[in-house]
Amino acid sequence: MTGRTDVNSLLLEMRAMKLQSQAFGGLNGDVAHPNPLQRPQQSNGPSFTDVMSQAVNKVNDVQHATGDIHKAYLHGDPNVDVTDVMIASQKAGIAFQSLLQVRNKLVESYREIMSMPL
């Protein structure tokens, strides 16, 4: 009897998903055949350019802060310890490596898209 119940619940879920997909298609027009000449709608979130600019600026700020900590340590500032310098250096290195990996993935994705046949 449990097998029959599972099949019925699965069937109900499938019907609910079908109704949801039909409602989505009804609101946005023909989802299967969108107009390729129509410009996609703008989202309310930040643009890709803004997000990338913020990431680059944040990495730049971390590297400048690390440079300031290095200078303070070299000038004998008693509030800066060698551990602070090493931690700041590691943070800057990790931030830069992360940004570099994101850049590499973006370039790889761009090349893959450009090599796609039309």
PDB file of N, CA and C in Angstrom:
ATOM      1  N   MET A   1       0.818  -1.198   0.000  1.00  0.00           N
ATOM      2  CA  MET A   1       0.000   0.000   0.000  1.00  0.00           C
ATOM      3  C   MET A   1       0.862   1.262   0.000  1.00  0.00           C
ATOM      4  N   THR A   2       2.057   1.169   0.580  1.00  0.00           N
ATOM      5  CA  THR A   2       2.910   2.352   0.601  1.00  0.00           C
ATOM      6  C   THR A   2       3.404   2.704  -0.783  1.00  0.00           C
ATOM      7  N   GLY A   3       3.582   1.705  -1.651  1.00  0.00           N
ATOM      8  CA  GLY A   3       4.005   1.976  -3.020  1.00  0.00           C
ATOM      9  C   GLY A   3       2.965   2.785  -3.766  1.00  0.00           C
ATOM     10  N   ARG A   4       1.693   2.477  -3.540  1.00  0.00           N
ATOM     11  CA  ARG A   4       0.594   3.203  -4.189  1.00  0.00           C
ATOM     12  C   ARG A   4       0.533   4.644  -3.681  1.00  0.00           C
ATOM     13  N   THR A   5       0.773   4.831  -2.396  1.00  0.00           N
ATOM     14  CA  THR A   5       0.754   6.168  -1.814  1.00  0.00           C
ATOM     15  C   THR A   5       1.900   7.000  -2.371  1.00  0.00           C
ATOM     16  N   ASP A   6       3.055   6.396  -2.512  1.00  0.00           N
ATOM     17  CA  ASP A   6       4.198   7.111  -3.059  1.00  0.00           C
ATOM     18  C   ASP A   6       3.948   7.541  -4.496  1.00  0.00           C
ATOM     19  N   VAL A   7       3.326   6.680  -5.275  1.00  0.00           N
ATOM     20  CA  VAL A   7       3.025   7.008  -6.666  1.00  0.00           C
ATOM     21  C   VAL A   7       2.024   8.151  -6.726  1.00  0.00           C
ATOM     22  N   ASN A   8       1.007   8.103  -5.855  1.00  0.00           N
ATOM     23  CA  ASN A   8       0.003   9.168  -5.847  1.00  0.00           C
ATOM     24  C   ASN A   8       0.617  10.501  -5.424  1.00  0.00           C
ATOM     25  N   SER A   9       1.472  10.486  -4.414  1.00  0.00           N
ATOM     26  CA  SER A   9       2.096  11.742  -3.984  1.00  0.00           C
ATOM     27  C   SER A   9       3.030  12.274  -5.065  1.00  0.00           C
ATOM     28  N   LEU A  10       3.721  11.378  -5.755  1.00  0.00           N
ATOM     29  CA  LEU A  10       4.592  11.789  -6.847  1.00  0.00           C
ATOM     30  C   LEU A  10       3.783  12.404  -7.982  1.00  0.00           C
ATOM     31  N   LEU A  11       2.642  11.796  -8.281  1.00  0.00           N
ATOM     32  CA  LEU A  11       1.768  12.317  -9.326  1.00  0.00           C
ATOM     33  C   LEU A  11       1.241  13.702  -8.958  1.00  0.00           C
ATOM     34  N   LEU A  12       0.881  13.899  -7.694  1.00  0.00           N
ATOM     35  CA  LEU A  12       0.414  15.211  -7.243  1.00  0.00           C
ATOM     36  C   LEU A  12       1.522  16.259  -7.361  1.00  0.00           C
ATOM     37  N   GLU A  13       2.739  15.884  -7.000  1.00  0.00           N
ATOM     38  CA  GLU A  13       3.860  16.816  -7.117  1.00  0.00           C
ATOM     39  C   GLU A  13       4.119  17.181  -8.574  1.00  0.00           C
ATOM     40  N   MET A  14       4.028  16.196  -9.456  1.00  0.00           N
ATOM     41  CA  MET A  14       4.253  16.461 -10.879  1.00  0.00           C
ATOM     42  C   MET A  14       3.192  17.409 -11.429  1.00  0.00           C
ATOM     43  N   ARG A  15       1.946  17.211 -11.017  1.00  0.00           N
ATOM     44  CA  ARG A  15       0.872  18.106 -11.467  1.00  0.00           C
ATOM     45  C   ARG A  15       1.082  19.521 -10.940  1.00  0.00           C
ATOM     46  N   ALA A  16       1.501  19.635  -9.690  1.00  0.00           N
ATOM     47  CA  ALA A  16       1.755  20.959  -9.121  1.00  0.00           C
ATOM     48  C   ALA A  16       2.892  21.652  -9.864  1.00  0.00           C
ATOM     49  N   MET A  17       3.941  20.912 -10.203  1.00  0.00           N
ATOM     50  CA  MET A  17       5.055  21.497 -10.948  1.00  0.00           C
ATOM     51  C   MET A  17       4.621  21.920 -12.343  1.00  0.00           C
ATOM     52  N   LYS A  18       3.749  21.143 -12.954  1.00  0.00           N
ATOM     53  CA  LYS A  18       3.248  21.490 -14.283  1.00  0.00           C
ATOM     54  C   LYS A  18       2.447  22.784 -14.226  1.00  0.00           C
ATOM     55  N   LEU A  19       1.601  22.913 -13.198  1.00  0.00           N
ATOM     56  CA  LEU A  19       0.817  24.139 -13.049  1.00  0.00           C
ATOM     57  C   LEU A  19       1.722  25.344 -12.805  1.00  0.00           C
ATOM     58  N   GLN A  20       2.761  25.153 -12.011  1.00  0.00           N
ATOM     59  CA  GLN A  20       3.691  26.252 -11.757  1.00  0.00           C
ATOM     60  C   GLN A  20       4.410  26.671 -13.025  1.00  0.00           C
ATOM     61  N   SER A  21       4.824  25.706 -13.824  1.00  0.00           N
ATOM     62  CA  SER A  21       5.534  26.050 -15.057  1.00  0.00           C
ATOM     63  C   SER A  21       4.601  26.713 -16.061  1.00  0.00           C
ATOM     64  N   GLN A  22       3.339  26.303 -16.089  1.00  0.00           N
ATOM     65  CA  GLN A  22       2.382  26.944 -16.987  1.00  0.00           C
ATOM     66  C   GLN A  22       2.106  28.368 -16.539  1.00  0.00           C
ATOM     67  N   ALA A  23       2.020  28.581 -15.235  1.00  0.00           N
ATOM     68  CA  ALA A  23       1.796  29.934 -14.729  1.00  0.00           C
ATOM     69  C   ALA A  23       2.983  30.823 -15.061  1.00  0.00           C
ATOM     70  N   PHE A  24       4.185  30.295 -14.957  1.00  0.00           N
ATOM     71  CA  PHE A  24       5.380  31.067 -15.287  1.00  0.00           C
ATOM     72  C   PHE A  24       5.389  31.433 -16.761  1.00  0.00           C
ATOM     73  N   GLY A  25       5.073  30.491 -17.620  1.00  0.00           N
ATOM     74  CA  GLY A  25       5.042  30.750 -19.056  1.00  0.00           C
ATOM     75  C   GLY A  25       3.950  31.727 -19.425  1.00  0.00           C
ATOM     76  N   GLY A  26       2.839  31.697 -18.704  1.00  0.00           N
ATOM     77  CA  GLY A  26       1.741  32.610 -18.991  1.00  0.00           C
ATOM     78  C   GLY A  26       2.070  34.042 -18.628  1.00  0.00           C
ATOM     79  N   LEU A  27       2.876  34.235 -17.600  1.00  0.00           N
ATOM     80  CA  LEU A  27       3.214  35.590 -17.180  1.00  0.00           C
ATOM     81  C   LEU A  27       4.253  36.223 -18.090  1.00  0.00           C
ATOM     82  N   ASN A  28       5.196  35.442 -18.551  1.00  0.00           N
ATOM     83  CA  ASN A  28       6.315  35.988 -19.315  1.00  0.00           C
ATOM     84  C   ASN A  28       6.218  35.739 -20.807  1.00  0.00           C
ATOM     85  N   GLY A  29       5.102  35.329 -21.279  1.00  0.00           N
ATOM     86  CA  GLY A  29       4.968  35.082 -22.705  1.00  0.00           C
ATOM     87  C   GLY A  29       5.447  33.695 -23.050  1.00  0.00           C
ATOM     88  N   ASP A  30       5.882  33.512 -24.275  1.00  0.00           N
ATOM     89  CA  ASP A  30       6.311  32.213 -24.771  1.00  0.00           C
ATOM     90  C   ASP A  30       7.733  31.943 -24.300  1.00  0.00           C
ATOM     91  N   VAL A  31       7.876  31.097 -23.297  1.00  0.00           N
ATOM     92  CA  VAL A  31       9.184  30.809 -22.724  1.00  0.00           C
ATOM     93  C   VAL A  31      10.008  29.932 -23.664  1.00  0.00           C
ATOM     94  N   ALA A  32       9.350  29.053 -24.396  1.00  0.00           N
ATOM     95  CA  ALA A  32      10.076  28.129 -25.270  1.00  0.00           C
ATOM     96  C   ALA A  32      10.716  28.841 -26.455  1.00  0.00           C
ATOM     97  N   HIS A  33      10.108  29.925 -26.925  1.00  0.00           N
ATOM     98  CA  HIS A  33      10.619  30.640 -28.096  1.00  0.00           C
ATOM     99  C   HIS A  33      10.690  32.140 -27.807  1.00  0.00           C
ATOM    100  N   PRO A  34      11.656  32.587 -27.000  1.00  0.00           N
ATOM    101  CA  PRO A  34      11.765  34.016 -26.727  1.00  0.00           C
ATOM    102  C   PRO A  34      12.243  34.764 -27.965  1.00  0.00           C
ATOM    103  N   ASN A  35      11.931  36.035 -28.020  1.00  0.00           N
ATOM    104  CA  ASN A  35      12.343  36.881 -29.129  1.00  0.00           C
ATOM    105  C   ASN A  35      13.828  37.212 -28.961  1.00  0.00           C
ATOM    106  N   PRO A  36      14.700  36.778 -29.878  1.00  0.00           N
ATOM    107  CA  PRO A  36      16.132  37.031 -29.705  1.00  0.00           C
ATOM    108  C   PRO A  36      16.505  38.499 -29.882  1.00  0.00           C
ATOM    109  N   LEU A  37      15.642  39.282 -30.508  1.00  0.00           N
ATOM    110  CA  LEU A  37      15.948  40.691 -30.719  1.00  0.00           C
ATOM    111  C   LEU A  37      15.490  41.559 -29.562  1.00  0.00           C
ATOM    112  N   GLN A  38      14.683  40.994 -28.683  1.00  0.00           N
ATOM    113  CA  GLN A  38      14.183  41.759 -27.550  1.00  0.00           C
ATOM    114  C   GLN A  38      15.237  41.791 -26.452  1.00  0.00           C
ATOM    115  N   ARG A  39      15.454  42.948 -25.899  1.00  0.00           N
ATOM    116  CA  ARG A  39      16.439  43.129 -24.845  1.00  0.00           C
ATOM    117  C   ARG A  39      15.892  42.547 -23.538  1.00  0.00           C
ATOM    118  N   PRO A  40      16.716  41.820 -22.779  1.00  0.00           N
ATOM    119  CA  PRO A  40      16.236  41.271 -21.510  1.00  0.00           C
ATOM    120  C   PRO A  40      15.904  42.385 -20.531  1.00  0.00           C
ATOM    121  N   GLN A  41      14.980  42.090 -19.628  1.00  0.00           N
ATOM    122  CA  GLN A  41      14.566  43.092 -18.655  1.00  0.00           C
ATOM    123  C   GLN A  41      15.676  43.324 -17.642  1.00  0.00           C
ATOM    124  N   GLN A  42      15.802  44.560 -17.201  1.00  0.00           N
ATOM    125  CA  GLN A  42      16.813  44.928 -16.225  1.00  0.00           C
ATOM    126  C   GLN A  42      16.395  44.434 -14.845  1.00  0.00           C
ATOM    127  N   SER A  43      17.355  43.960 -14.069  1.00  0.00           N
ATOM    128  CA  SER A  43      17.067  43.554 -12.703  1.00  0.00           C
ATOM    129  C   SER A  43      17.320  44.742 -11.782  1.00  0.00           C
ATOM    130  N   ASN A  44      16.797  44.644 -10.581  1.00  0.00           N
ATOM    131  CA  ASN A  44      16.949  45.733  -9.623  1.00  0.00           C
ATOM    132  C   ASN A  44      18.266  45.657  -8.866  1.00  0.00           C
ATOM    133  N   GLY A  45      18.989  44.547  -8.986  1.00  0.00           N
ATOM    134  CA  GLY A  45      20.243  44.375  -8.265  1.00  0.00           C
ATOM    135  C   GLY A  45      21.383  45.130  -8.921  1.00  0.00           C
ATOM    136  N   PRO A  46      22.556  45.068  -8.290  1.00  0.00           N
ATOM    137  CA  PRO A  46      23.720  45.748  -8.867  1.00  0.00           C
ATOM    138  C   PRO A  46      24.163  45.062 -10.155  1.00  0.00           C
ATOM    139  N   SER A  47      24.767  45.822 -11.029  1.00  0.00           N
ATOM    140  CA  SER A  47      25.216  45.262 -12.302  1.00  0.00           C
ATOM    141  C   SER A  47      26.497  44.452 -12.086  1.00  0.00           C
ATOM    142  N   PHE A  48      26.820  43.637 -13.069  1.00  0.00           N
ATOM    143  CA  PHE A  48      28.028  42.815 -13.014  1.00  0.00           C
ATOM    144  C   PHE A  48      29.263  43.703 -12.913  1.00  0.00           C
ATOM    145  N   THR A  49      29.258  44.799 -13.656  1.00  0.00           N
ATOM    146  CA  THR A  49      30.386  45.732 -13.631  1.00  0.00           C
ATOM    147  C   THR A  49      30.582  46.313 -12.238  1.00  0.00           C
ATOM    148  N   ASP A  50      29.478  46.679 -11.587  1.00  0.00           N
ATOM    149  CA  ASP A  50      29.575  47.234 -10.238  1.00  0.00           C
ATOM    150  C   ASP A  50      30.145  46.215  -9.253  1.00  0.00           C
ATOM    151  N   VAL A  51      29.677  44.981  -9.350  1.00  0.00           N
ATOM    152  CA  VAL A  51      30.150  43.935  -8.440  1.00  0.00           C
ATOM    153  C   VAL A  51      31.642  43.682  -8.641  1.00  0.00           C
ATOM    154  N   MET A  52      32.070  43.602  -9.900  1.00  0.00           N
ATOM    155  CA  MET A  52      33.489  43.357 -10.169  1.00  0.00           C
ATOM    156  C   MET A  52      34.347  44.547  -9.744  1.00  0.00           C
ATOM    157  N   SER A  53      33.868  45.758  -9.978  1.00  0.00           N
ATOM    158  CA  SER A  53      34.621  46.946  -9.558  1.00  0.00           C
ATOM    159  C   SER A  53      34.777  46.981  -8.045  1.00  0.00           C
ATOM    160  N   GLN A  54      33.718  46.643  -7.334  1.00  0.00           N
ATOM    161  CA  GLN A  54      33.795  46.614  -5.875  1.00  0.00           C
ATOM    162  C   GLN A  54      34.789  45.560  -5.399  1.00  0.00           C
ATOM    163  N   ALA A  55      34.803  44.404  -6.052  1.00  0.00           N
ATOM    164  CA  ALA A  55      35.737  43.343  -5.666  1.00  0.00           C
ATOM    165  C   ALA A  55      37.183  43.777  -5.897  1.00  0.00           C
ATOM    166  N   VAL A  56      37.442  44.390  -7.041  1.00  0.00           N
ATOM    167  CA  VAL A  56      38.803  44.858  -7.339  1.00  0.00           C
ATOM    168  C   VAL A  56      39.212  45.951  -6.355  1.00  0.00           C
ATOM    169  N   ASN A  57      38.307  46.865  -6.066  1.00  0.00           N
ATOM    170  CA  ASN A  57      38.616  47.935  -5.115  1.00  0.00           C
ATOM    171  C   ASN A  57      38.872  47.388  -3.716  1.00  0.00           C
ATOM    172  N   LYS A  58      38.115  46.361  -3.328  1.00  0.00           N
ATOM    173  CA  LYS A  58      38.311  45.776  -2.005  1.00  0.00           C
ATOM    174  C   LYS A  58      39.678  45.100  -1.911  1.00  0.00           C
ATOM    175  N   VAL A  59      40.071  44.388  -2.948  1.00  0.00           N
ATOM    176  CA  VAL A  59      41.403  43.760  -2.961  1.00  0.00           C
ATOM    177  C   VAL A  59      42.483  44.836  -2.922  1.00  0.00           C
ATOM    178  N   ASN A  60      42.284  45.908  -3.659  1.00  0.00           N
ATOM    179  CA  ASN A  60      43.240  47.016  -3.658  1.00  0.00           C
ATOM    180  C   ASN A  60      43.355  47.626  -2.263  1.00  0.00           C
ATOM    181  N   ASP A  61      42.219  47.801  -1.589  1.00  0.00           N
ATOM    182  CA  ASP A  61      42.239  48.359  -0.235  1.00  0.00           C
ATOM    183  C   ASP A  61      42.985  47.441   0.733  1.00  0.00           C
ATOM    184  N   VAL A  62      42.764  46.134   0.608  1.00  0.00           N
ATOM    185  CA  VAL A  62      43.455  45.179   1.480  1.00  0.00           C
ATOM    186  C   VAL A  62      44.960  45.250   1.243  1.00  0.00           C
ATOM    187  N   GLN A  63      45.370  45.367  -0.013  1.00  0.00           N
ATOM    188  CA  GLN A  63      46.800  45.434  -0.303  1.00  0.00           C
ATOM    189  C   GLN A  63      47.416  46.735   0.199  1.00  0.00           C
ATOM    190  N   HIS A  64      46.690  47.842   0.087  1.00  0.00           N
ATOM    191  CA  HIS A  64      47.203  49.114   0.616  1.00  0.00           C
ATOM    192  C   HIS A  64      47.306  49.062   2.138  1.00  0.00           C
ATOM    193  N   ALA A  65      46.311  48.461   2.793  1.00  0.00           N
ATOM    194  CA  ALA A  65      46.359  48.341   4.251  1.00  0.00           C
ATOM    195  C   ALA A  65      47.541  47.477   4.676  1.00  0.00           C
ATOM    196  N   THR A  66      47.806  46.432   3.919  1.00  0.00           N
ATOM    197  CA  THR A  66      48.960  45.580   4.213  1.00  0.00           C
ATOM    198  C   THR A  66      50.259  46.365   4.059  1.00  0.00           C
ATOM    199  N   GLY A  67      50.347  47.178   3.025  1.00  0.00           N
ATOM    200  CA  GLY A  67      51.532  48.019   2.839  1.00  0.00           C
ATOM    201  C   GLY A  67      51.722  48.990   3.989  1.00  0.00           C
ATOM    202  N   ASP A  68      50.619  49.551   4.476  1.00  0.00           N
ATOM    203  CA  ASP A  68      50.707  50.474   5.611  1.00  0.00           C
ATOM    204  C   ASP A  68      51.188  49.756   6.874  1.00  0.00           C
ATOM    205  N   ILE A  69      50.698  48.531   7.079  1.00  0.00           N
ATOM    206  CA  ILE A  69      51.131  47.758   8.250  1.00  0.00           C
ATOM    207  C   ILE A  69      52.617  47.411   8.130  1.00  0.00           C
ATOM    208  N   HIS A  70      53.054  47.060   6.935  1.00  0.00           N
ATOM    209  CA  HIS A  70      54.485  46.767   6.720  1.00  0.00           C
ATOM    210  C   HIS A  70      55.334  47.995   7.035  1.00  0.00           C
ATOM    211  N   LYS A  71      54.914  49.154   6.527  1.00  0.00           N
ATOM    212  CA  LYS A  71      55.677  50.385   6.780  1.00  0.00           C
ATOM    213  C   LYS A  71      55.723  50.708   8.264  1.00  0.00           C
ATOM    214  N   ALA A  72      54.581  50.539   8.938  1.00  0.00           N
ATOM    215  CA  ALA A  72      54.546  50.828  10.375  1.00  0.00           C
ATOM    216  C   ALA A  72      55.487  49.900  11.137  1.00  0.00           C
ATOM    217  N   TYR A  73      55.514  48.642  10.763  1.00  0.00           N
ATOM    218  CA  TYR A  73      56.406  47.688  11.435  1.00  0.00           C
ATOM    219  C   TYR A  73      57.873  48.036  11.176  1.00  0.00           C
ATOM    220  N   LEU A  74      58.177  48.393   9.924  1.00  0.00           N
ATOM    221  CA  LEU A  74      59.562  48.732   9.590  1.00  0.00           C
ATOM    222  C   LEU A  74      60.033  50.006  10.275  1.00  0.00           C
ATOM    223  N   HIS A  75      59.100  50.916  10.568  1.00  0.00           N
ATOM    224  CA  HIS A  75      59.466  52.153  11.257  1.00  0.00           C
ATOM    225  C   HIS A  75      59.457  51.990  12.776  1.00  0.00           C
ATOM    226  N   GLY A  76      59.198  50.771  13.246  1.00  0.00           N
ATOM    227  CA  GLY A  76      59.297  50.502  14.680  1.00  0.00           C
ATOM    228  C   GLY A  76      58.061  50.850  15.482  1.00  0.00           C
ATOM    229  N   ASP A  77      56.901  50.867  14.884  1.00  0.00           N
ATOM    230  CA  ASP A  77      55.661  51.156  15.615  1.00  0.00           C
ATOM    231  C   ASP A  77      55.432  50.063  16.663  1.00  0.00           C
ATOM    232  N   PRO A  78      55.336  50.449  17.954  1.00  0.00           N
ATOM    233  CA  PRO A  78      55.171  49.434  19.005  1.00  0.00           C
ATOM    234  C   PRO A  78      53.797  48.749  18.976  1.00  0.00           C
ATOM    235  N   ASN A  79      52.834  49.317  18.291  1.00  0.00           N
ATOM    236  CA  ASN A  79      51.489  48.729  18.221  1.00  0.00           C
ATOM    237  C   ASN A  79      51.368  47.658  17.137  1.00  0.00           C
ATOM    238  N   VAL A  80      52.391  47.514  16.299  1.00  0.00           N
ATOM    239  CA  VAL A  80      52.349  46.542  15.206  1.00  0.00           C
ATOM    240  C   VAL A  80      53.338  45.426  15.509  1.00  0.00           C
ATOM    241  N   ASP A  81      52.820  44.225  15.560  1.00  0.00           N
ATOM    242  CA  ASP A  81      53.638  43.043  15.837  1.00  0.00           C
ATOM    243  C   ASP A  81      53.929  42.318  14.526  1.00  0.00           C
ATOM    244  N   VAL A  82      54.949  41.474  14.537  1.00  0.00           N
ATOM    245  CA  VAL A  82      55.303  40.728  13.335  1.00  0.00           C
ATOM    246  C   VAL A  82      54.158  39.800  12.924  1.00  0.00           C
ATOM    247  N   THR A  83      53.390  39.315  13.889  1.00  0.00           N
ATOM    248  CA  THR A  83      52.247  38.458  13.537  1.00  0.00           C
ATOM    249  C   THR A  83      51.186  39.242  12.778  1.00  0.00           C
ATOM    250  N   ASP A  84      50.999  40.516  13.141  1.00  0.00           N
ATOM    251  CA  ASP A  84      50.050  41.364  12.408  1.00  0.00           C
ATOM    252  C   ASP A  84      50.484  41.528  10.956  1.00  0.00           C
ATOM    253  N   VAL A  85      51.782  41.705  10.768  1.00  0.00           N
ATOM    254  CA  VAL A  85      52.326  41.867   9.421  1.00  0.00           C
ATOM    255  C   VAL A  85      52.115  40.597   8.608  1.00  0.00           C
ATOM    256  N   MET A  86      52.390  39.449   9.205  1.00  0.00           N
ATOM    257  CA  MET A  86      52.242  38.183   8.487  1.00  0.00           C
ATOM    258  C   MET A  86      50.779  37.881   8.168  1.00  0.00           C
ATOM    259  N   ILE A  87      49.893  38.139   9.116  1.00  0.00           N
ATOM    260  CA  ILE A  87      48.464  37.899   8.875  1.00  0.00           C
ATOM    261  C   ILE A  87      47.954  38.813   7.774  1.00  0.00           C
ATOM    262  N   ALA A  88      48.350  40.078   7.814  1.00  0.00           N
ATOM    263  CA  ALA A  88      47.925  41.020   6.772  1.00  0.00           C
ATOM    264  C   ALA A  88      48.465  40.600   5.409  1.00  0.00           C
ATOM    265  N   SER A  89      49.706  40.128   5.385  1.00  0.00           N
ATOM    266  CA  SER A  89      50.287  39.669   4.116  1.00  0.00           C
ATOM    267  C   SER A  89      49.526  38.474   3.562  1.00  0.00           C
ATOM    268  N   GLN A  90      49.171  37.543   4.429  1.00  0.00           N
ATOM    269  CA  GLN A  90      48.418  36.369   3.984  1.00  0.00           C
ATOM    270  C   GLN A  90      47.026  36.754   3.492  1.00  0.00           C
ATOM    271  N   LYS A  91      46.373  37.675   4.191  1.00  0.00           N
ATOM    272  CA  LYS A  91      45.050  38.135   3.749  1.00  0.00           C
ATOM    273  C   LYS A  91      45.130  38.778   2.373  1.00  0.00           C
ATOM    274  N   ALA A  92      46.139  39.612   2.177  1.00  0.00           N
ATOM    275  CA  ALA A  92      46.300  40.270   0.878  1.00  0.00           C
ATOM    276  C   ALA A  92      46.596  39.248  -0.212  1.00  0.00           C
ATOM    277  N   GLY A  93      47.421  38.257   0.100  1.00  0.00           N
ATOM    278  CA  GLY A  93      47.743  37.223  -0.878  1.00  0.00           C
ATOM    279  C   GLY A  93      46.530  36.391  -1.254  1.00  0.00           C
ATOM    280  N   ILE A  94      45.735  36.019  -0.268  1.00  0.00           N
ATOM    281  CA  ILE A  94      44.530  35.230  -0.535  1.00  0.00           C
ATOM    282  C   ILE A  94      43.524  36.042  -1.339  1.00  0.00           C
ATOM    283  N   ALA A  95      43.361  37.312  -0.980  1.00  0.00           N
ATOM    284  CA  ALA A  95      42.422  38.162  -1.724  1.00  0.00           C
ATOM    285  C   ALA A  95      42.848  38.296  -3.179  1.00  0.00           C
ATOM    286  N   PHE A  96      44.145  38.491  -3.404  1.00  0.00           N
ATOM    287  CA  PHE A  96      44.636  38.633  -4.774  1.00  0.00           C
ATOM    288  C   PHE A  96      44.488  37.332  -5.554  1.00  0.00           C
ATOM    289  N   GLN A  97      44.818  36.206  -4.935  1.00  0.00           N
ATOM    290  CA  GLN A  97      44.686  34.912  -5.613  1.00  0.00           C
ATOM    291  C   GLN A  97      43.224  34.614  -5.950  1.00  0.00           C
ATOM    292  N   SER A  98      42.317  34.973  -5.055  1.00  0.00           N
ATOM    293  CA  SER A  98      40.889  34.774  -5.330  1.00  0.00           C
ATOM    294  C   SER A  98      40.453  35.604  -6.522  1.00  0.00           C
ATOM    295  N   LEU A  99      40.865  36.858  -6.543  1.00  0.00           N
ATOM    296  CA  LEU A  99      40.518  37.729  -7.662  1.00  0.00           C
ATOM    297  C   LEU A  99      41.118  37.205  -8.962  1.00  0.00           C
ATOM    298  N   LEU A 100      42.325  36.708  -8.898  1.00  0.00           N
ATOM    299  CA  LEU A 100      42.983  36.150 -10.078  1.00  0.00           C
ATOM    300  C   LEU A 100      42.228  34.926 -10.599  1.00  0.00           C
ATOM    301  N   GLN A 101      41.758  34.080  -9.711  1.00  0.00           N
ATOM    302  CA  GLN A 101      41.000  32.901 -10.128  1.00  0.00           C
ATOM    303  C   GLN A 101      39.662  33.286 -10.745  1.00  0.00           C
ATOM    304  N   VAL A 102      39.013  34.299 -10.198  1.00  0.00           N
ATOM    305  CA  VAL A 102      37.757  34.780 -10.786  1.00  0.00           C
ATOM    306  C   VAL A 102      38.022  35.314 -12.186  1.00  0.00           C
ATOM    307  N   ARG A 103      39.100  36.076 -12.328  1.00  0.00           N
ATOM    308  CA  ARG A 103      39.449  36.589 -13.654  1.00  0.00           C
ATOM    309  C   ARG A 103      39.711  35.457 -14.639  1.00  0.00           C
ATOM    310  N   ASN A 104      40.439  34.438 -14.203  1.00  0.00           N
ATOM    311  CA  ASN A 104      40.730  33.302 -15.077  1.00  0.00           C
ATOM    312  C   ASN A 104      39.454  32.592 -15.507  1.00  0.00           C
ATOM    313  N   LYS A 105      38.522  32.421 -14.593  1.00  0.00           N
ATOM    314  CA  LYS A 105      37.254  31.770 -14.937  1.00  0.00           C
ATOM    315  C   LYS A 105      36.451  32.625 -15.906  1.00  0.00           C
ATOM    316  N   LEU A 106      36.477  33.929 -15.725  1.00  0.00           N
ATOM    317  CA  LEU A 106      35.758  34.815 -16.643  1.00  0.00           C
ATOM    318  C   LEU A 106      36.352  34.758 -18.044  1.00  0.00           C
ATOM    319  N   VAL A 107      37.665  34.773 -18.131  1.00  0.00           N
ATOM    320  CA  VAL A 107      38.321  34.691 -19.438  1.00  0.00           C
ATOM    321  C   VAL A 107      38.023  33.350 -20.092  1.00  0.00           C
ATOM    322  N   GLU A 108      38.082  32.285 -19.315  1.00  0.00           N
ATOM    323  CA  GLU A 108      37.785  30.954 -19.846  1.00  0.00           C
ATOM    324  C   GLU A 108      36.338  30.871 -20.345  1.00  0.00           C
ATOM    325  N   SER A 109      35.413  31.435 -19.581  1.00  0.00           N
ATOM    326  CA  SER A 109      34.003  31.433 -19.999  1.00  0.00           C
ATOM    327  C   SER A 109      33.803  32.255 -21.257  1.00  0.00           C
ATOM    328  N   TYR A 110      34.460  33.400 -21.330  1.00  0.00           N
ATOM    329  CA  TYR A 110      34.354  34.251 -22.512  1.00  0.00           C
ATOM    330  C   TYR A 110      34.860  33.512 -23.748  1.00  0.00           C
ATOM    331  N   ARG A 111      36.002  32.858 -23.621  1.00  0.00           N
ATOM    332  CA  ARG A 111      36.553  32.112 -24.762  1.00  0.00           C
ATOM    333  C   ARG A 111      35.628  30.975 -25.180  1.00  0.00           C
ATOM    334  N   GLU A 112      35.038  30.320 -24.205  1.00  0.00           N
ATOM    335  CA  GLU A 112      34.117  29.225 -24.523  1.00  0.00           C
ATOM    336  C   GLU A 112      32.883  29.747 -25.251  1.00  0.00           C
ATOM    337  N   ILE A 113      32.363  30.867 -24.805  1.00  0.00           N
ATOM    338  CA  ILE A 113      31.191  31.456 -25.464  1.00  0.00           C
ATOM    339  C   ILE A 113      31.543  31.914 -26.869  1.00  0.00           C
ATOM    340  N   MET A 114      32.716  32.522 -27.036  1.00  0.00           N
ATOM    341  CA  MET A 114      33.110  33.009 -28.355  1.00  0.00           C
ATOM    342  C   MET A 114      33.375  31.869 -29.337  1.00  0.00           C
ATOM    343  N   SER A 115      33.719  30.699 -28.834  1.00  0.00           N
ATOM    344  CA  SER A 115      33.977  29.579 -29.739  1.00  0.00           C
ATOM    345  C   SER A 115      32.711  28.794 -30.082  1.00  0.00           C
ATOM    346  N   MET A 116      31.585  29.161 -29.480  1.00  0.00           N
ATOM    347  CA  MET A 116      30.330  28.464 -29.786  1.00  0.00           C
ATOM    348  C   MET A 116      29.864  28.823 -31.189  1.00  0.00           C
ATOM    349  N   PRO A 117      29.401  27.822 -31.933  1.00  0.00           N
ATOM    350  CA  PRO A 117      28.876  28.127 -33.272  1.00  0.00           C
ATOM    351  C   PRO A 117      27.520  28.820 -33.166  1.00  0.00           C
ATOM    352  N   LEU A 118      27.253  29.682 -34.119  1.00  0.00           N
ATOM    353  CA  LEU A 118      25.970  30.388 -34.120  1.00  0.00           C
ATOM    354  C   LEU A 118      24.893  29.591 -34.750  1.00  0.00           C
TER     355      LEU A 118
END
